[in-house]
C-alpha atoms as a PDB file:
ATOM      1  CA  MET A   1     132.995 162.802  43.037  1.00  0.00           C
ATOM      2  CA  LYS A   2     129.475 161.401  42.708  1.00  0.00           C
ATOM      3  CA  ALA A   3     130.760 157.917  41.804  1.00  0.00           C
ATOM      4  CA  ALA A   4     132.720 157.759  45.080  1.00  0.00           C
ATOM      5  CA  MET A   5     129.582 158.443  47.115  1.00  0.00           C
ATOM      6  CA  THR A   6     127.436 155.670  45.668  1.00  0.00           C
ATOM      7  CA  ALA A   7     126.973 152.585  47.830  1.00  0.00           C
ATOM      8  CA  LYS A   8     128.354 149.359  46.487  1.00  0.00           C
ATOM      9  CA  THR A   9     126.245 146.253  46.412  1.00  0.00           C
ATOM     10  CA  PRO A  10     127.765 142.934  47.534  1.00  0.00           C
ATOM     11  CA  THR A  11     128.022 141.726  43.937  1.00  0.00           C
ATOM     12  CA  ASP A  12     130.142 144.718  42.864  1.00  0.00           C
ATOM     13  CA  ARG A  13     133.190 143.333  44.652  1.00  0.00           C
ATOM     14  CA  PRO A  14     134.709 140.213  43.095  1.00  0.00           C
ATOM     15  CA  VAL A  15     135.694 137.441  45.506  1.00  0.00           C
ATOM     16  CA  HIS A  16     139.028 135.736  44.977  1.00  0.00           C
ATOM     17  CA  PRO A  17     138.213 132.153  43.945  1.00  0.00           C
ATOM     18  CA  LEU A  18     141.006 130.553  46.026  1.00  0.00           C
ATOM     19  CA  LEU A  19     139.913 132.379  49.184  1.00  0.00           C
ATOM     20  CA  ASP A  20     136.294 131.450  48.521  1.00  0.00           C
ATOM     21  CA  ALA A  21     137.254 127.795  48.049  1.00  0.00           C
ATOM     22  CA  ALA A  22     139.362 127.788  51.236  1.00  0.00           C
ATOM     23  CA  VAL A  23     136.517 129.182  53.342  1.00  0.00           C
ATOM     24  CA  ARG A  24     134.013 126.761  51.767  1.00  0.00           C
ATOM     25  CA  HIS A  25     136.312 123.860  52.596  1.00  0.00           C
ATOM     26  CA  ALA A  26     136.691 125.110  56.183  1.00  0.00           C
ATOM     27  CA  VAL A  27     132.890 125.193  56.529  1.00  0.00           C
ATOM     28  CA  ALA A  28     132.570 121.682  55.073  1.00  0.00           C
ATOM     29  CA  ALA A  29     135.383 120.257  57.213  1.00  0.00           C
ATOM     30  CA  GLY A  30     134.028 121.829  60.401  1.00  0.00           C
ATOM     31  CA  THR A  31     130.542 120.510  59.687  1.00  0.00           C
ATOM     32  CA  VAL A  32     131.830 116.994  59.021  1.00  0.00           C
ATOM     33  CA  ILE A  33     133.943 117.062  62.200  1.00  0.00           C
ATOM     34  CA  VAL A  34     130.993 118.197  64.328  1.00  0.00           C
ATOM     35  CA  LEU A  35     128.725 115.551  62.820  1.00  0.00           C
ATOM     36  CA  LEU A  36     131.154 112.620  63.039  1.00  0.00           C
ATOM     37  CA  VAL A  37     133.211 113.307  66.177  1.00  0.00           C
ATOM     38  CA  PRO A  38     131.068 113.400  69.329  1.00  0.00           C
ATOM     39  CA  SER A  39     133.690 115.246  71.388  1.00  0.00           C
ATOM     40  CA  ALA A  40     133.612 118.101  68.823  1.00  0.00           C
ATOM     41  CA  ARG A  41     130.050 118.870  69.942  1.00  0.00           C
ATOM     42  CA  GLY A  42     131.162 119.772  73.442  1.00  0.00           C
ATOM     43  CA  VAL A  43     132.958 122.580  75.215  1.00  0.00           C
ATOM     44  CA  HIS A  44     136.711 123.115  75.405  1.00  0.00           C
ATOM     45  CA  ALA A  45     138.142 124.799  78.491  1.00  0.00           C
ATOM     46  CA  ALA A  46     140.260 127.259  76.505  1.00  0.00           C
ATOM     47  CA  ILE A  47     138.068 128.224  73.529  1.00  0.00           C
ATOM     48  CA  GLY A  48     134.511 127.403  74.572  1.00  0.00           C
ATOM     49  CA  TRP A  49     131.742 125.780  72.551  1.00  0.00           C
ATOM     50  CA  LEU A  50     133.400 123.921  69.673  1.00  0.00           C
ATOM     51  CA  PRO A  51     130.548 123.950  67.097  1.00  0.00           C
ATOM     52  CA  LEU A  52     130.709 127.742  67.230  1.00  0.00           C
ATOM     53  CA  TRP A  53     134.341 127.706  66.108  1.00  0.00           C
ATOM     54  CA  LEU A  54     134.086 124.745  63.759  1.00  0.00           C
ATOM     55  CA  VAL A  55     130.862 125.645  61.907  1.00  0.00           C
ATOM     56  CA  ALA A  56     129.360 129.029  62.822  1.00  0.00           C
ATOM     57  CA  MET A  57     132.495 131.168  62.563  1.00  0.00           C
ATOM     58  CA  PRO A  58     133.579 129.757  59.174  1.00  0.00           C
ATOM     59  CA  LEU A  59     130.007 130.312  57.917  1.00  0.00           C
ATOM     60  CA  LEU A  60     130.118 133.888  59.155  1.00  0.00           C
ATOM     61  CA  ALA A  61     133.508 134.398  57.481  1.00  0.00           C
ATOM     62  CA  TRP A  62     132.104 133.047  54.216  1.00  0.00           C
ATOM     63  CA  TRP A  63     129.111 135.385  54.474  1.00  0.00           C
ATOM     64  CA  ALA A  64     131.435 138.335  55.214  1.00  0.00           C
ATOM     65  CA  LEU A  65     133.615 137.394  52.260  1.00  0.00           C
ATOM     66  CA  HIS A  66     130.574 137.847  50.033  1.00  0.00           C
ATOM     67  CA  GLY A  67     129.789 141.246  51.530  1.00  0.00           C
ATOM     68  CA  PHE A  68     126.976 140.104  53.865  1.00  0.00           C
ATOM     69  CA  ALA A  69     124.742 139.474  50.863  1.00  0.00           C
ATOM     70  CA  LEU A  70     121.149 138.607  51.675  1.00  0.00           C
ATOM     71  CA  PRO A  71     118.765 136.718  49.417  1.00  0.00           C
ATOM     72  CA  ARG A  72     116.696 138.989  47.226  1.00  0.00           C
ATOM     73  CA  ARG A  73     112.930 139.069  47.612  1.00  0.00           C
ATOM     74  CA  ALA A  74     110.959 137.498  44.830  1.00  0.00           C
ATOM     75  CA  ALA A  75     109.148 139.954  42.589  1.00  0.00           C
ATOM     76  CA  PRO A  76     105.395 140.063  43.132  1.00  0.00           C
ATOM     77  CA  PRO A  77     103.368 138.091  40.593  1.00  0.00           C
ATOM     78  CA  VAL A  78     102.338 140.051  37.512  1.00  0.00           C
ATOM     79  CA  ALA A  79      98.663 139.186  37.827  1.00  0.00           C
ATOM     80  CA  ALA A  80      98.440 140.145  41.489  1.00  0.00           C
ATOM     81  CA  ALA A  81      95.068 141.208  42.804  1.00  0.00           C
ATOM     82  CA  PRO A  82      94.747 144.927  43.514  1.00  0.00           C
ATOM     83  CA  THR A  83      95.145 145.841  47.143  1.00  0.00           C
ATOM     84  CA  VAL A  84      91.915 146.487  48.991  1.00  0.00           C
ATOM     85  CA  ARG A  85      91.859 149.852  50.676  1.00  0.00           C
ATOM     86  CA  PRO A  86      89.707 150.377  53.739  1.00  0.00           C
ATOM     87  CA  ARG A  87      86.490 152.274  53.065  1.00  0.00           C
ATOM     88  CA  ARG A  88      86.494 155.840  54.352  1.00  0.00           C
ATOM     89  CA  ARG A  89      83.618 156.992  56.478  1.00  0.00           C
ATOM     90  CA  SER A  90      81.571 159.728  54.938  1.00  0.00           C
ATOM     91  CA  ALA A  91      80.190 161.108  58.205  1.00  0.00           C
ATOM     92  CA  GLU A  92      81.978 163.555  60.453  1.00  0.00           C
ATOM     93  CA  GLN A  93      83.780 162.464  63.552  1.00  0.00           C
ATOM     94  CA  ALA A  94      81.477 161.684  66.452  1.00  0.00           C
ATOM     95  CA  ARG A  95      81.024 164.417  69.081  1.00  0.00           C
ATOM     96  CA  ARG A  96      80.211 164.026  72.744  1.00  0.00           C
ATOM     97  CA  ARG A  97      76.612 164.610  73.662  1.00  0.00           C
ATOM     98  CA  SER A  98      75.962 167.296  76.224  1.00  0.00           C
ATOM     99  CA  ARG A  99      74.198 166.035  79.350  1.00  0.00           C
ATOM    100  CA  ALA A 100      70.997 167.757  80.418  1.00  0.00           C
ATOM    101  CA  GLY A 101      71.579 170.045  83.429  1.00  0.00           C
ATOM    102  CA  ALA A 102      75.343 169.818  83.271  1.00  0.00           C
ATOM    103  CA  ARG A 103      77.336 172.967  83.884  1.00  0.00           C
ATOM    104  CA  PRO A 104      79.903 173.879  81.303  1.00  0.00           C
ATOM    105  CA  SER A 105      83.302 173.310  82.832  1.00  0.00           C
ATOM    106  CA  GLY A 106      85.344 176.452  82.896  1.00  0.00           C
ATOM    107  CA  GLY A 107      88.572 174.836  83.985  1.00  0.00           C
ATOM    108  CA  ALA A 108      91.355 177.113  85.154  1.00  0.00           C
ATOM    109  CA  ALA A 109      90.320 179.824  82.727  1.00  0.00           C
ATOM    110  CA  GLY A 110      86.865 180.135  84.360  1.00  0.00           C
ATOM    111  CA  ARG A 111      88.173 180.782  87.892  1.00  0.00           C
ATOM    112  CA  GLU A 112      88.854 184.205  89.197  1.00  0.00           C
ATOM    113  CA  LEU A 113      92.111 184.886  90.906  1.00  0.00           C
ATOM    114  CA  GLY A 114      92.150 186.678  94.213  1.00  0.00           C
END
């Protein structure tokens, strides 16, 4: 039961090589068409902006085929400098000074009802 609940990483799922090659070729063909054919950079009345359908959507399909894998962050260098922590103040928190001749405010608790 525990094995079914673990999350799979994108590399756990093998990608069929023929499907991967087909999507890669679609990305390459769409990119070449957009670069070489000026009318492919425009808008079509029925489907909209053509570079979206010729380049961006095949790229998104290729990314989805690989499980939306993102590049891994590089490990920090081994000889990294220790992080500098801010110095803590040793004194207490500052208090307001009382003004000479000021009445203490009683607020609502200091008033009498009636």
